[in-house]
Amino acid sequence: MIGVIDYGAGNLHSVRKALDYLGLANSVIRAAGETAACDRLLLPGVGHFASAMERLQASAMAPVLQEWLAADRPFLGICLGMQLLFSASAEAPGVKGFGFFAGHARPYACRPRLQIGWNLVHAARPSAIWPNTASEYHYYVNGYHAVPADRNIVAAVSDYGGEFAAAVQCGRVWGVQFHPEKSAACGLDLLRRWGAS
């Protein structure tokens, strides 16, 4: 069972629609105790870094997610959900992320700052959800991107005013900056592989 975390601003509908289409059992998780039936968690991403962390703290989900990450249980963070895995973000100075990955999120250096649309994603190395290193187009809606302190966690890259981390991975914890649920066949294939990994 995939638990889709609801923190009041995530893109739940599109994510669940994609998982349902793939036949991957899922449920919305709104409280800490609801993760017991899950074998993997997905943190969708739409919204503001500070608001997301505040809501996750208020619902008591934050410590549950910290424990889940520390135990290296299957996890996928999408867009803002990926950025929250890092220590901090320039979007919300002084607000701490989960700190699972060392590094921070910062705005793009180019104009317009908001990246909306399709962009080529290049896999940096073979992995469970990228069995080969083929390049694929995925859909982005983001104005900030994660800057990992350790380049070894970068699983894929894209370019928007310069190369940035499109996906990161350590153990069974993944983060993707793009939206696989909106990325047509390539995105669905990626979700399918993550759901089976």
N, C-alpha and C. Protein backbone atom coordinates (compact mmCIF):
# COMPACT_ATOMS: atom_id res chain seq x y z
N MET A 1 0.84 -1.19 0.00
CA MET A 1 0.00 0.00 0.00
C MET A 1 0.88 1.25 0.00
N ILE A 2 0.58 2.16 -0.90
CA ILE A 2 1.30 3.43 -0.98
C ILE A 2 0.49 4.48 -0.21
N GLY A 3 1.10 5.09 0.77
CA GLY A 3 0.45 6.16 1.51
C GLY A 3 0.81 7.49 0.88
N VAL A 4 -0.20 8.24 0.42
CA VAL A 4 0.01 9.54 -0.19
C VAL A 4 -0.26 10.60 0.87
N ILE A 5 0.78 11.31 1.27
CA ILE A 5 0.69 12.25 2.38
C ILE A 5 -0.10 13.49 1.98
N ASP A 6 -1.12 13.80 2.77
CA ASP A 6 -1.93 15.00 2.56
C ASP A 6 -1.54 16.03 3.60
N TYR A 7 -0.88 17.11 3.18
CA TYR A 7 -0.56 18.19 4.11
C TYR A 7 -1.32 19.46 3.74
N GLY A 8 -2.41 19.30 3.01
CA GLY A 8 -3.29 20.40 2.73
C GLY A 8 -2.98 21.20 1.49
N ALA A 9 -1.86 20.87 0.83
CA ALA A 9 -1.51 21.64 -0.36
C ALA A 9 -0.90 20.77 -1.46
N GLY A 10 -0.73 19.51 -1.20
CA GLY A 10 -0.12 18.63 -2.18
C GLY A 10 -1.05 18.33 -3.34
N ASN A 11 -0.48 17.88 -4.43
CA ASN A 11 -1.23 17.58 -5.64
C ASN A 11 -1.79 16.15 -5.57
N LEU A 12 -2.72 15.94 -4.65
CA LEU A 12 -3.21 14.59 -4.36
C LEU A 12 -3.96 13.97 -5.54
N HIS A 13 -4.83 14.75 -6.17
CA HIS A 13 -5.72 14.19 -7.18
C HIS A 13 -4.94 13.58 -8.35
N SER A 14 -4.02 14.32 -8.91
CA SER A 14 -3.27 13.83 -10.06
C SER A 14 -2.40 12.63 -9.70
N VAL A 15 -1.79 12.69 -8.52
CA VAL A 15 -0.93 11.59 -8.08
C VAL A 15 -1.75 10.32 -7.89
N ARG A 16 -2.87 10.41 -7.20
CA ARG A 16 -3.69 9.23 -6.96
C ARG A 16 -4.30 8.69 -8.26
N LYS A 17 -4.66 9.60 -9.15
CA LYS A 17 -5.19 9.18 -10.44
C LYS A 17 -4.17 8.35 -11.20
N ALA A 18 -2.90 8.78 -11.17
CA ALA A 18 -1.84 8.04 -11.85
C ALA A 18 -1.62 6.68 -11.18
N LEU A 19 -1.60 6.65 -9.85
CA LEU A 19 -1.40 5.38 -9.14
C LEU A 19 -2.56 4.43 -9.39
N ASP A 20 -3.78 4.96 -9.40
CA ASP A 20 -4.95 4.12 -9.69
C ASP A 20 -4.86 3.53 -11.10
N TYR A 21 -4.46 4.36 -12.05
CA TYR A 21 -4.33 3.92 -13.44
C TYR A 21 -3.34 2.77 -13.54
N LEU A 22 -2.28 2.83 -12.73
CA LEU A 22 -1.24 1.79 -12.75
C LEU A 22 -1.63 0.57 -11.93
N GLY A 23 -2.75 0.64 -11.24
CA GLY A 23 -3.18 -0.48 -10.40
C GLY A 23 -2.39 -0.60 -9.12
N LEU A 24 -1.80 0.52 -8.66
CA LEU A 24 -1.02 0.51 -7.43
C LEU A 24 -1.91 0.96 -6.27
N ALA A 25 -2.16 0.06 -5.34
CA ALA A 25 -3.03 0.36 -4.20
C ALA A 25 -2.47 1.54 -3.42
N ASN A 26 -3.35 2.49 -3.09
CA ASN A 26 -2.91 3.68 -2.39
C ASN A 26 -4.03 4.23 -1.51
N SER A 27 -3.64 5.03 -0.53
CA SER A 27 -4.61 5.68 0.32
C SER A 27 -4.04 7.02 0.76
N VAL A 28 -4.92 7.96 1.09
CA VAL A 28 -4.50 9.27 1.56
C VAL A 28 -4.18 9.17 3.05
N ILE A 29 -3.03 9.72 3.44
CA ILE A 29 -2.59 9.69 4.83
C ILE A 29 -2.66 11.11 5.39
N ARG A 30 -3.47 11.30 6.42
CA ARG A 30 -3.63 12.62 7.03
C ARG A 30 -3.18 12.66 8.48
N ALA A 31 -2.97 11.48 9.09
CA ALA A 31 -2.58 11.42 10.50
C ALA A 31 -1.49 10.38 10.68
N ALA A 32 -0.69 10.59 11.70
CA ALA A 32 0.49 9.75 11.93
C ALA A 32 0.15 8.26 12.01
N GLY A 33 -0.93 7.91 12.69
CA GLY A 33 -1.26 6.51 12.88
C GLY A 33 -1.68 5.77 11.61
N GLU A 34 -1.96 6.52 10.56
CA GLU A 34 -2.46 5.90 9.32
C GLU A 34 -1.36 5.30 8.45
N THR A 35 -0.11 5.47 8.84
CA THR A 35 0.98 4.91 8.03
C THR A 35 1.23 3.43 8.32
N ALA A 36 0.60 2.89 9.36
CA ALA A 36 0.88 1.51 9.78
C ALA A 36 0.61 0.50 8.67
N ALA A 37 -0.39 0.76 7.84
CA ALA A 37 -0.76 -0.19 6.78
C ALA A 37 0.04 0.02 5.50
N CYS A 38 0.96 0.99 5.49
CA CYS A 38 1.69 1.34 4.27
C CYS A 38 3.06 0.68 4.23
N ASP A 39 3.46 0.29 3.02
CA ASP A 39 4.82 -0.21 2.86
C ASP A 39 5.70 0.78 2.11
N ARG A 40 5.08 1.87 1.62
CA ARG A 40 5.84 2.96 1.01
C ARG A 40 5.04 4.24 1.13
N LEU A 41 5.75 5.37 1.16
CA LEU A 41 5.10 6.66 1.29
C LEU A 41 5.48 7.57 0.13
N LEU A 42 4.54 8.43 -0.25
CA LEU A 42 4.76 9.39 -1.32
C LEU A 42 4.36 10.77 -0.80
N LEU A 43 5.27 11.74 -0.93
CA LEU A 43 5.00 13.11 -0.50
C LEU A 43 4.90 13.98 -1.75
N PRO A 44 3.67 14.31 -2.18
CA PRO A 44 3.50 15.11 -3.39
C PRO A 44 3.89 16.56 -3.14
N GLY A 45 4.07 17.31 -4.20
CA GLY A 45 4.60 18.64 -4.01
C GLY A 45 3.90 19.75 -4.74
N VAL A 46 3.19 20.56 -4.03
CA VAL A 46 2.67 21.83 -4.53
C VAL A 46 2.60 22.73 -3.31
N GLY A 47 3.09 23.96 -3.41
CA GLY A 47 2.95 24.87 -2.28
C GLY A 47 4.26 25.52 -1.87
N HIS A 48 4.27 26.02 -0.65
CA HIS A 48 5.38 26.80 -0.10
C HIS A 48 6.12 25.97 0.94
N PHE A 49 7.44 26.06 0.95
CA PHE A 49 8.28 25.26 1.84
C PHE A 49 7.87 25.43 3.31
N ALA A 50 7.72 26.68 3.75
CA ALA A 50 7.39 26.92 5.16
C ALA A 50 6.01 26.40 5.53
N SER A 51 5.02 26.65 4.66
CA SER A 51 3.65 26.20 4.94
C SER A 51 3.57 24.69 5.01
N ALA A 52 4.29 24.03 4.09
CA ALA A 52 4.28 22.56 4.08
C ALA A 52 4.87 22.00 5.37
N MET A 53 6.02 22.52 5.80
CA MET A 53 6.64 22.03 7.03
C MET A 53 5.76 22.33 8.24
N GLU A 54 5.14 23.51 8.25
CA GLU A 54 4.26 23.87 9.36
C GLU A 54 3.08 22.90 9.47
N ARG A 55 2.50 22.57 8.35
CA ARG A 55 1.34 21.66 8.37
C ARG A 55 1.76 20.24 8.74
N LEU A 56 2.92 19.80 8.26
CA LEU A 56 3.40 18.47 8.62
C LEU A 56 3.73 18.39 10.11
N GLN A 57 4.24 19.47 10.67
CA GLN A 57 4.49 19.50 12.11
C GLN A 57 3.18 19.52 12.89
N ALA A 58 2.22 20.32 12.44
CA ALA A 58 0.95 20.46 13.16
C ALA A 58 0.16 19.16 13.18
N SER A 59 0.28 18.37 12.12
CA SER A 59 -0.46 17.10 12.05
C SER A 59 0.30 15.95 12.69
N ALA A 60 1.48 16.24 13.25
CA ALA A 60 2.35 15.22 13.87
C ALA A 60 2.89 14.23 12.85
N MET A 61 2.81 14.57 11.56
CA MET A 61 3.37 13.71 10.52
C MET A 61 4.88 13.85 10.41
N ALA A 62 5.42 15.03 10.75
CA ALA A 62 6.86 15.27 10.56
C ALA A 62 7.73 14.23 11.28
N PRO A 63 7.54 13.96 12.58
CA PRO A 63 8.39 12.96 13.23
C PRO A 63 8.20 11.55 12.67
N VAL A 64 6.98 11.25 12.21
CA VAL A 64 6.74 9.94 11.59
C VAL A 64 7.55 9.81 10.30
N LEU A 65 7.56 10.88 9.51
CA LEU A 65 8.33 10.86 8.27
C LEU A 65 9.82 10.80 8.57
N GLN A 66 10.27 11.49 9.60
CA GLN A 66 11.68 11.43 9.99
C GLN A 66 12.09 10.00 10.31
N GLU A 67 11.26 9.30 11.07
CA GLU A 67 11.55 7.91 11.43
C GLU A 67 11.53 7.02 10.19
N TRP A 68 10.57 7.26 9.31
CA TRP A 68 10.46 6.47 8.08
C TRP A 68 11.72 6.62 7.23
N LEU A 69 12.17 7.85 7.06
CA LEU A 69 13.36 8.12 6.27
C LEU A 69 14.60 7.50 6.91
N ALA A 70 14.72 7.65 8.22
CA ALA A 70 15.89 7.12 8.92
C ALA A 70 15.97 5.60 8.82
N ALA A 71 14.81 4.96 8.70
CA ALA A 71 14.77 3.50 8.58
C ALA A 71 14.97 3.02 7.14
N ASP A 72 15.18 3.96 6.21
CA ASP A 72 15.39 3.65 4.79
C ASP A 72 14.22 2.84 4.22
N ARG A 73 13.01 3.26 4.55
CA ARG A 73 11.83 2.63 3.98
C ARG A 73 11.46 3.33 2.67
N PRO A 74 10.82 2.64 1.73
CA PRO A 74 10.55 3.22 0.41
C PRO A 74 9.78 4.53 0.48
N PHE A 75 10.33 5.55 -0.15
CA PHE A 75 9.78 6.91 -0.05
C PHE A 75 10.05 7.63 -1.36
N LEU A 76 9.05 8.43 -1.79
CA LEU A 76 9.22 9.26 -2.97
C LEU A 76 8.69 10.66 -2.68
N GLY A 77 9.55 11.67 -2.83
CA GLY A 77 9.14 13.06 -2.71
C GLY A 77 9.08 13.68 -4.08
N ILE A 78 7.97 14.34 -4.40
CA ILE A 78 7.78 14.94 -5.73
C ILE A 78 7.79 16.46 -5.61
N CYS A 79 8.62 17.13 -6.41
CA CYS A 79 8.72 18.59 -6.50
C CYS A 79 9.01 19.19 -5.12
N LEU A 80 8.06 19.90 -4.51
CA LEU A 80 8.29 20.42 -3.17
C LEU A 80 8.59 19.27 -2.20
N GLY A 81 7.97 18.12 -2.44
CA GLY A 81 8.22 16.94 -1.61
C GLY A 81 9.68 16.52 -1.65
N MET A 82 10.36 16.73 -2.77
CA MET A 82 11.80 16.48 -2.87
C MET A 82 12.57 17.53 -2.08
N GLN A 83 12.21 18.80 -2.25
CA GLN A 83 12.94 19.89 -1.58
C GLN A 83 12.84 19.77 -0.06
N LEU A 84 11.72 19.28 0.44
CA LEU A 84 11.54 19.12 1.89
C LEU A 84 12.48 18.08 2.48
N LEU A 85 13.03 17.21 1.64
CA LEU A 85 13.99 16.21 2.12
C LEU A 85 15.33 16.83 2.47
N PHE A 86 15.56 18.06 2.02
CA PHE A 86 16.82 18.74 2.27
C PHE A 86 16.76 19.56 3.56
N SER A 87 17.89 20.17 3.90
CA SER A 87 18.01 20.87 5.18
C SER A 87 17.25 22.18 5.24
N ALA A 88 17.17 22.90 4.10
CA ALA A 88 16.60 24.24 4.13
C ALA A 88 16.25 24.69 2.72
N SER A 89 15.60 25.84 2.63
CA SER A 89 15.25 26.42 1.33
C SER A 89 15.32 27.94 1.42
N ALA A 90 15.82 28.55 0.36
CA ALA A 90 15.84 30.02 0.28
C ALA A 90 14.42 30.58 0.22
N GLU A 91 13.44 29.73 -0.06
CA GLU A 91 12.05 30.17 -0.08
C GLU A 91 11.56 30.52 1.32
N ALA A 92 12.19 29.91 2.33
CA ALA A 92 11.74 30.12 3.71
C ALA A 92 12.95 30.13 4.65
N PRO A 93 13.72 31.23 4.65
CA PRO A 93 14.91 31.31 5.50
C PRO A 93 14.58 31.03 6.97
N GLY A 94 15.39 30.19 7.58
CA GLY A 94 15.20 29.87 8.99
C GLY A 94 14.32 28.67 9.25
N VAL A 95 13.62 28.19 8.23
CA VAL A 95 12.75 27.02 8.39
C VAL A 95 13.54 25.77 8.02
N LYS A 96 13.55 24.80 8.91
CA LYS A 96 14.30 23.57 8.68
C LYS A 96 13.47 22.55 7.90
N GLY A 97 14.11 21.92 6.91
CA GLY A 97 13.51 20.79 6.23
C GLY A 97 13.81 19.52 7.01
N PHE A 98 13.58 18.37 6.39
CA PHE A 98 13.82 17.10 7.08
C PHE A 98 15.31 16.81 7.25
N GLY A 99 16.14 17.38 6.38
CA GLY A 99 17.57 17.19 6.52
C GLY A 99 18.05 15.79 6.22
N PHE A 100 17.22 15.00 5.53
CA PHE A 100 17.68 13.65 5.16
C PHE A 100 18.85 13.76 4.18
N PHE A 101 18.76 14.72 3.26
CA PHE A 101 19.86 15.03 2.37
C PHE A 101 20.47 16.36 2.80
N ALA A 102 21.79 16.43 2.82
CA ALA A 102 22.46 17.70 3.09
C ALA A 102 22.35 18.58 1.85
N GLY A 103 22.06 19.85 2.08
CA GLY A 103 21.91 20.78 0.97
C GLY A 103 20.69 21.65 1.17
N HIS A 104 20.38 22.45 0.18
CA HIS A 104 19.27 23.41 0.30
C HIS A 104 18.64 23.63 -1.07
N ALA A 105 17.49 24.26 -1.06
CA ALA A 105 16.82 24.62 -2.31
C ALA A 105 17.03 26.11 -2.56
N ARG A 106 17.20 26.47 -3.82
CA ARG A 106 17.39 27.87 -4.16
C ARG A 106 16.65 28.18 -5.46
N PRO A 107 16.39 29.45 -5.74
CA PRO A 107 15.69 29.79 -6.98
C PRO A 107 16.61 29.64 -8.18
N TYR A 108 15.99 29.47 -9.35
CA TYR A 108 16.78 29.43 -10.57
C TYR A 108 17.43 30.79 -10.80
N ALA A 109 18.60 30.76 -11.41
CA ALA A 109 19.34 32.00 -11.67
C ALA A 109 18.85 32.71 -12.92
N CYS A 110 18.08 32.00 -13.76
CA CYS A 110 17.65 32.58 -15.04
C CYS A 110 16.26 33.18 -14.93
N ARG A 111 15.83 33.83 -15.99
CA ARG A 111 14.48 34.39 -16.10
C ARG A 111 13.74 33.68 -17.22
N PRO A 112 12.45 33.37 -17.06
CA PRO A 112 11.69 33.54 -15.82
C PRO A 112 12.14 32.54 -14.76
N ARG A 113 11.98 32.91 -13.51
CA ARG A 113 12.40 32.03 -12.41
C ARG A 113 11.54 30.77 -12.34
N LEU A 114 10.28 30.88 -12.74
CA LEU A 114 9.38 29.74 -12.67
C LEU A 114 9.52 28.90 -13.93
N GLN A 115 9.88 27.64 -13.75
CA GLN A 115 9.99 26.71 -14.86
C GLN A 115 8.66 25.96 -15.00
N ILE A 116 7.98 26.15 -16.12
CA ILE A 116 6.72 25.47 -16.37
C ILE A 116 6.81 24.81 -17.73
N GLY A 117 6.66 23.50 -17.76
CA GLY A 117 6.65 22.80 -19.04
C GLY A 117 7.57 21.60 -19.06
N TRP A 118 7.74 21.06 -20.24
CA TRP A 118 8.52 19.85 -20.44
C TRP A 118 10.01 20.17 -20.52
N ASN A 119 10.81 19.31 -19.91
CA ASN A 119 12.26 19.47 -19.96
C ASN A 119 12.89 18.09 -20.00
N LEU A 120 14.03 18.01 -20.67
CA LEU A 120 14.71 16.73 -20.82
C LEU A 120 15.42 16.35 -19.52
N VAL A 121 15.21 15.12 -19.09
CA VAL A 121 15.85 14.60 -17.88
C VAL A 121 16.84 13.53 -18.30
N HIS A 122 18.08 13.69 -17.87
CA HIS A 122 19.15 12.74 -18.20
C HIS A 122 19.48 11.92 -16.95
N ALA A 123 19.27 10.63 -17.01
CA ALA A 123 19.65 9.77 -15.88
C ALA A 123 21.17 9.79 -15.73
N ALA A 124 21.64 9.96 -14.51
CA ALA A 124 23.08 10.04 -14.25
C ALA A 124 23.71 8.67 -14.09
N ARG A 125 22.89 7.69 -13.75
CA ARG A 125 23.39 6.32 -13.51
C ARG A 125 22.21 5.37 -13.49
N PRO A 126 22.46 4.10 -13.79
CA PRO A 126 21.36 3.12 -13.70
C PRO A 126 20.89 2.97 -12.25
N SER A 127 19.59 2.74 -12.07
CA SER A 127 19.04 2.56 -10.73
C SER A 127 17.75 1.77 -10.85
N ALA A 128 17.11 1.55 -9.70
CA ALA A 128 15.90 0.74 -9.69
C ALA A 128 14.79 1.36 -10.52
N ILE A 129 14.69 2.69 -10.51
CA ILE A 129 13.60 3.30 -11.29
C ILE A 129 14.09 3.87 -12.62
N TRP A 130 15.42 3.87 -12.83
CA TRP A 130 15.99 4.18 -14.14
C TRP A 130 16.93 3.03 -14.51
N PRO A 131 16.38 1.92 -15.03
CA PRO A 131 17.22 0.75 -15.31
C PRO A 131 18.25 1.00 -16.40
N ASN A 132 18.04 2.02 -17.20
CA ASN A 132 19.06 2.40 -18.17
C ASN A 132 19.27 3.91 -18.05
N THR A 133 20.17 4.45 -18.81
CA THR A 133 20.47 5.88 -18.68
C THR A 133 19.91 6.69 -19.84
N ALA A 134 18.77 6.24 -20.36
CA ALA A 134 18.13 6.98 -21.46
C ALA A 134 17.61 8.32 -20.95
N SER A 135 17.58 9.31 -21.83
CA SER A 135 17.02 10.62 -21.50
C SER A 135 15.52 10.62 -21.81
N GLU A 136 14.74 11.28 -20.97
CA GLU A 136 13.29 11.33 -21.14
C GLU A 136 12.80 12.75 -20.84
N TYR A 137 11.68 13.11 -21.43
CA TYR A 137 11.05 14.39 -21.12
C TYR A 137 10.06 14.21 -19.97
N HIS A 138 10.16 15.11 -18.99
CA HIS A 138 9.23 15.12 -17.87
C HIS A 138 8.72 16.55 -17.66
N TYR A 139 7.61 16.64 -16.94
CA TYR A 139 6.93 17.93 -16.79
C TYR A 139 7.29 18.60 -15.47
N TYR A 140 7.63 19.87 -15.54
CA TYR A 140 8.04 20.66 -14.37
C TYR A 140 7.08 21.82 -14.12
N VAL A 141 6.89 22.13 -12.83
CA VAL A 141 6.27 23.39 -12.40
C VAL A 141 7.00 23.76 -11.11
N ASN A 142 8.06 24.54 -11.22
CA ASN A 142 8.82 24.87 -10.01
C ASN A 142 9.67 26.13 -10.22
N GLY A 143 9.86 26.84 -9.12
CA GLY A 143 10.70 28.03 -9.14
C GLY A 143 11.97 27.86 -8.33
N TYR A 144 12.03 26.76 -7.54
CA TYR A 144 13.19 26.44 -6.71
C TYR A 144 13.67 25.04 -7.07
N HIS A 145 14.94 24.80 -6.85
CA HIS A 145 15.50 23.47 -7.10
C HIS A 145 16.52 23.14 -6.02
N ALA A 146 16.67 21.88 -5.73
CA ALA A 146 17.57 21.44 -4.67
C ALA A 146 19.02 21.44 -5.14
N VAL A 147 19.90 21.84 -4.23
CA VAL A 147 21.34 21.83 -4.48
C VAL A 147 21.97 20.88 -3.46
N PRO A 148 22.20 19.62 -3.85
CA PRO A 148 22.76 18.66 -2.90
C PRO A 148 24.21 18.98 -2.54
N ALA A 149 24.56 18.78 -1.27
CA ALA A 149 25.95 18.93 -0.85
C ALA A 149 26.79 17.77 -1.36
N ASP A 150 26.17 16.62 -1.55
CA ASP A 150 26.85 15.42 -2.02
C ASP A 150 26.36 15.09 -3.43
N ARG A 151 27.20 15.26 -4.42
CA ARG A 151 26.80 15.00 -5.80
C ARG A 151 26.52 13.52 -6.05
N ASN A 152 26.98 12.65 -5.16
CA ASN A 152 26.78 11.21 -5.36
C ASN A 152 25.32 10.80 -5.25
N ILE A 153 24.48 11.65 -4.64
CA ILE A 153 23.07 11.29 -4.51
C ILE A 153 22.28 11.67 -5.76
N VAL A 154 22.88 12.42 -6.68
CA VAL A 154 22.16 12.87 -7.87
C VAL A 154 21.94 11.70 -8.82
N ALA A 155 20.67 11.40 -9.07
CA ALA A 155 20.32 10.27 -9.94
C ALA A 155 19.99 10.72 -11.35
N ALA A 156 19.62 12.00 -11.51
CA ALA A 156 19.29 12.52 -12.85
C ALA A 156 19.44 14.03 -12.83
N VAL A 157 19.66 14.60 -13.99
CA VAL A 157 19.84 16.05 -14.11
C VAL A 157 19.01 16.60 -15.26
N SER A 158 18.70 17.88 -15.16
CA SER A 158 18.09 18.65 -16.25
C SER A 158 18.83 19.97 -16.36
N ASP A 159 18.46 20.76 -17.35
CA ASP A 159 19.10 22.06 -17.53
C ASP A 159 18.04 23.14 -17.65
N TYR A 160 18.16 24.16 -16.81
CA TYR A 160 17.30 25.34 -16.91
C TYR A 160 18.13 26.51 -16.39
N GLY A 161 18.79 27.20 -17.30
CA GLY A 161 19.73 28.23 -16.89
C GLY A 161 20.97 27.65 -16.25
N GLY A 162 21.25 26.39 -16.51
CA GLY A 162 22.34 25.66 -15.89
C GLY A 162 21.85 24.31 -15.40
N GLU A 163 22.74 23.37 -15.27
CA GLU A 163 22.36 22.02 -14.84
C GLU A 163 21.91 22.01 -13.39
N PHE A 164 20.87 21.24 -13.10
CA PHE A 164 20.40 21.09 -11.72
C PHE A 164 19.97 19.65 -11.49
N ALA A 165 19.84 19.28 -10.22
CA ALA A 165 19.45 17.91 -9.86
C ALA A 165 17.96 17.70 -10.13
N ALA A 166 17.66 16.83 -11.08
CA ALA A 166 16.27 16.50 -11.40
C ALA A 166 15.75 15.38 -10.51
N ALA A 167 16.66 14.55 -10.01
CA ALA A 167 16.27 13.45 -9.12
C ALA A 167 17.44 13.13 -8.20
N VAL A 168 17.12 12.74 -6.98
CA VAL A 168 18.13 12.34 -6.00
C VAL A 168 17.70 11.02 -5.39
N GLN A 169 18.69 10.28 -4.90
CA GLN A 169 18.38 8.97 -4.33
C GLN A 169 19.46 8.53 -3.37
N CYS A 170 19.04 7.99 -2.24
CA CYS A 170 19.95 7.34 -1.31
C CYS A 170 19.19 6.17 -0.71
N GLY A 171 19.66 4.96 -0.93
CA GLY A 171 18.95 3.78 -0.48
C GLY A 171 17.59 3.70 -1.16
N ARG A 172 16.54 3.58 -0.38
CA ARG A 172 15.19 3.49 -0.94
C ARG A 172 14.43 4.81 -0.87
N VAL A 173 15.15 5.88 -0.58
CA VAL A 173 14.54 7.21 -0.53
C VAL A 173 14.85 7.97 -1.81
N TRP A 174 13.80 8.40 -2.48
CA TRP A 174 13.92 9.11 -3.76
C TRP A 174 13.26 10.47 -3.69
N GLY A 175 13.80 11.38 -4.47
CA GLY A 175 13.14 12.67 -4.69
C GLY A 175 13.26 13.03 -6.15
N VAL A 176 12.17 13.52 -6.74
CA VAL A 176 12.20 13.96 -8.14
C VAL A 176 11.64 15.38 -8.20
N GLN A 177 12.34 16.26 -8.91
CA GLN A 177 11.92 17.65 -8.99
C GLN A 177 10.74 17.84 -9.94
N PHE A 178 10.64 16.99 -10.94
CA PHE A 178 9.55 17.06 -11.91
C PHE A 178 8.31 16.35 -11.36
N HIS A 179 7.24 16.37 -12.15
CA HIS A 179 5.99 15.72 -11.76
C HIS A 179 5.77 14.48 -12.63
N PRO A 180 6.13 13.30 -12.14
CA PRO A 180 5.91 12.09 -12.96
C PRO A 180 4.44 11.85 -13.24
N GLU A 181 3.56 12.25 -12.32
CA GLU A 181 2.12 12.03 -12.52
C GLU A 181 1.56 12.87 -13.66
N LYS A 182 2.33 13.86 -14.12
CA LYS A 182 1.90 14.71 -15.24
C LYS A 182 2.80 14.53 -16.46
N SER A 183 3.65 13.51 -16.42
CA SER A 183 4.67 13.34 -17.46
C SER A 183 4.37 12.22 -18.44
N ALA A 184 3.08 11.97 -18.68
CA ALA A 184 2.65 10.99 -19.69
C ALA A 184 3.30 9.63 -19.46
N ALA A 185 3.61 8.92 -20.54
CA ALA A 185 4.06 7.53 -20.45
C ALA A 185 5.35 7.40 -19.65
N CYS A 186 6.30 8.32 -19.86
CA CYS A 186 7.58 8.23 -19.15
C CYS A 186 7.38 8.36 -17.64
N GLY A 187 6.52 9.29 -17.24
CA GLY A 187 6.26 9.46 -15.82
C GLY A 187 5.54 8.28 -15.21
N LEU A 188 4.58 7.73 -15.94
CA LEU A 188 3.86 6.55 -15.45
C LEU A 188 4.80 5.36 -15.32
N ASP A 189 5.70 5.19 -16.28
CA ASP A 189 6.68 4.10 -16.21
C ASP A 189 7.56 4.25 -14.98
N LEU A 190 7.96 5.48 -14.69
CA LEU A 190 8.80 5.71 -13.53
C LEU A 190 8.05 5.39 -12.23
N LEU A 191 6.79 5.82 -12.13
CA LEU A 191 5.99 5.50 -10.95
C LEU A 191 5.77 3.99 -10.81
N ARG A 192 5.58 3.33 -11.93
CA ARG A 192 5.39 1.88 -11.90
C ARG A 192 6.64 1.18 -11.37
N ARG A 193 7.81 1.62 -11.86
CA ARG A 193 9.06 1.01 -11.40
C ARG A 193 9.31 1.31 -9.93
N TRP A 194 9.00 2.56 -9.51
CA TRP A 194 9.17 2.87 -8.08
C TRP A 194 8.23 2.03 -7.23
N GLY A 195 7.01 1.84 -7.69
CA GLY A 195 6.05 1.05 -6.94
C GLY A 195 6.43 -0.41 -6.82
N ALA A 196 7.31 -0.87 -7.70
CA ALA A 196 7.71 -2.28 -7.69
C ALA A 196 9.12 -2.46 -7.12
N SER A 197 9.81 -1.36 -6.84
CA SER A 197 11.22 -1.46 -6.42
C SER A 197 11.34 -1.83 -4.93
